[in-house]
Each structure stands twice: as C-alpha cells, then as structure tokens.
Amino acid sequence: MFRILALALFAAPTAALAQAADPAGSGPVVAAVGWLQGTLLGNVATAVAVMAVAAVGFMMLTGRLNWRFGATVILGTFILFGAASIVAGIQQAAGA
C-alpha cells in the first residue's frame, strides 16, 4: 500500500520549480527572444504570411504546385501563428 501511495505522489504532475523564474543573467536573452517573437508575429510578418498563403493557394488551384506541399505550407502557417493558443490549451489540459 505504501509503495502505491509513494508511486502516485512521485508520478503526480507538478510545476517544475526551476521554471518559476528566469535564471540569473538571462535578461538579455529573454529580451532578444521577445524581440524575435514580436518581429516574427508582428504586422509585417502577418502580411507576408497572408500573401504567401494566397500565392500558394493560387498555385494549387492552377495546378502548378503539389497539393501535399501546399497543404503543408498552409498548415505550418496556422501552427506558427496559433502556437501561443496551442500551448495554452495543452497547459490547461495538463492542469498547469
């Protein structure tokens, strides 16, 4: 009985304590990653992604592009811009 209880406590999902705060000296790295995220998901990137999806869709409709490759490009764009929502959903489902 004690072994089962110990195993249940060991396997229970909990937040990692190391992830509670940024490590010392990581301020410039966090700022750089934040800038990169803002650049990749900003207004210019959104406009470029819309034009790319439109071009891929037009090429798929005219038969100049393989449907599988075109679907991969469009799906990748949705995953890129929906990454924050996807991660939030996974964290909510995990109970974090």
Protein backbone atom coordinates (compact mmCIF):
# COMPACT_ATOMS: atom_id res chain seq x y z
CA MET A 1 0.00 0.00 0.00
CA PHE A 2 2.82 2.39 0.88
CA ARG A 3 4.53 1.68 -2.46
CA ILE A 4 1.40 2.55 -4.41
CA LEU A 5 0.98 5.80 -2.48
CA ALA A 6 4.65 6.70 -2.99
CA LEU A 7 4.38 5.94 -6.71
CA ALA A 8 1.23 8.05 -7.00
CA LEU A 9 2.93 11.00 -5.29
CA PHE A 10 6.01 10.61 -7.46
CA ALA A 11 4.02 10.42 -10.70
CA ALA A 12 1.63 13.29 -9.88
CA PRO A 13 2.08 16.24 -12.26
CA THR A 14 3.51 19.30 -10.53
CA ALA A 15 5.11 22.51 -11.72
CA ALA A 16 8.87 22.41 -12.01
CA LEU A 17 10.46 24.75 -9.51
CA ALA A 18 13.26 25.67 -11.91
CA GLN A 19 10.71 27.17 -14.30
CA ALA A 20 9.25 29.55 -11.74
CA ALA A 21 11.56 32.45 -12.67
CA ASP A 22 14.18 33.35 -15.22
CA PRO A 23 17.72 32.30 -14.28
CA ALA A 24 20.22 34.95 -13.27
CA GLY A 25 21.84 36.70 -16.22
CA SER A 26 19.19 35.69 -18.72
CA GLY A 27 17.71 39.18 -19.10
CA PRO A 28 19.37 39.97 -22.46
CA VAL A 29 18.49 36.53 -23.82
CA VAL A 30 14.85 36.85 -22.78
CA ALA A 31 14.71 40.35 -24.29
CA ALA A 32 16.22 39.09 -27.56
CA VAL A 33 13.77 36.20 -27.77
CA GLY A 34 10.90 38.59 -27.05
CA TRP A 35 12.08 40.89 -29.83
CA LEU A 36 12.37 37.94 -32.21
CA GLN A 37 8.86 36.78 -31.33
CA GLY A 38 7.48 40.27 -31.86
CA THR A 39 9.21 40.50 -35.22
CA LEU A 40 8.10 37.07 -36.41
CA LEU A 41 4.49 37.54 -35.30
CA GLY A 42 4.13 41.28 -35.98
CA ASN A 43 2.16 43.14 -38.62
CA VAL A 44 4.75 42.76 -41.38
CA ALA A 45 5.05 39.01 -40.82
CA THR A 46 1.28 38.65 -40.80
CA ALA A 47 1.01 40.49 -44.12
CA VAL A 48 3.77 38.36 -45.66
CA ALA A 49 2.11 35.17 -44.41
CA VAL A 50 -1.25 36.21 -45.89
CA MET A 51 0.39 36.89 -49.25
CA ALA A 52 2.28 33.57 -49.10
CA VAL A 53 -0.89 31.59 -48.35
CA ALA A 54 -2.70 33.41 -51.15
CA ALA A 55 0.12 32.67 -53.60
CA VAL A 56 0.30 29.00 -52.56
CA GLY A 57 -3.49 28.71 -52.87
CA PHE A 58 -3.47 30.26 -56.33
CA MET A 59 -0.64 27.97 -57.46
CA MET A 60 -2.54 24.96 -56.09
CA LEU A 61 -5.71 25.99 -57.96
CA THR A 62 -3.84 26.42 -61.25
CA GLY A 63 -2.08 23.06 -60.89
CA ARG A 64 1.43 24.45 -60.59
CA LEU A 65 2.02 23.20 -57.06
CA ASN A 66 1.67 19.80 -55.45
CA TRP A 67 -1.38 19.73 -53.17
CA ARG A 68 0.53 18.00 -50.37
CA PHE A 69 3.26 20.67 -50.32
CA GLY A 70 0.69 23.45 -50.48
CA ALA A 71 -1.30 21.98 -47.60
CA THR A 72 1.92 21.64 -45.60
CA VAL A 73 2.75 25.33 -46.11
CA ILE A 74 -0.72 26.46 -45.11
CA LEU A 75 -0.85 24.13 -42.08
CA GLY A 76 2.60 25.35 -40.99
CA THR A 77 1.42 28.95 -41.14
CA PHE A 78 -1.58 28.16 -38.96
CA ILE A 79 0.63 26.34 -36.46
CA LEU A 80 3.13 29.23 -36.38
CA PHE A 81 0.53 31.89 -35.66
CA GLY A 82 -1.54 29.64 -33.40
CA ALA A 83 1.39 28.38 -31.32
CA ALA A 84 0.51 30.51 -28.28
CA SER A 85 -3.08 29.24 -28.27
CA ILE A 86 -1.94 25.65 -28.79
CA VAL A 87 0.49 25.82 -25.86
CA ALA A 88 -2.13 27.47 -23.64
CA GLY A 89 -4.59 24.70 -24.48
CA ILE A 90 -2.04 22.00 -23.71
CA GLN A 91 -1.15 23.65 -20.40
CA GLN A 92 -4.82 23.96 -19.47
CA ALA A 93 -5.44 20.32 -20.35
CA ALA A 94 -2.42 19.29 -18.25
CA GLY A 95 -3.74 21.26 -15.31
CA ALA A 96 -0.76 23.60 -15.05
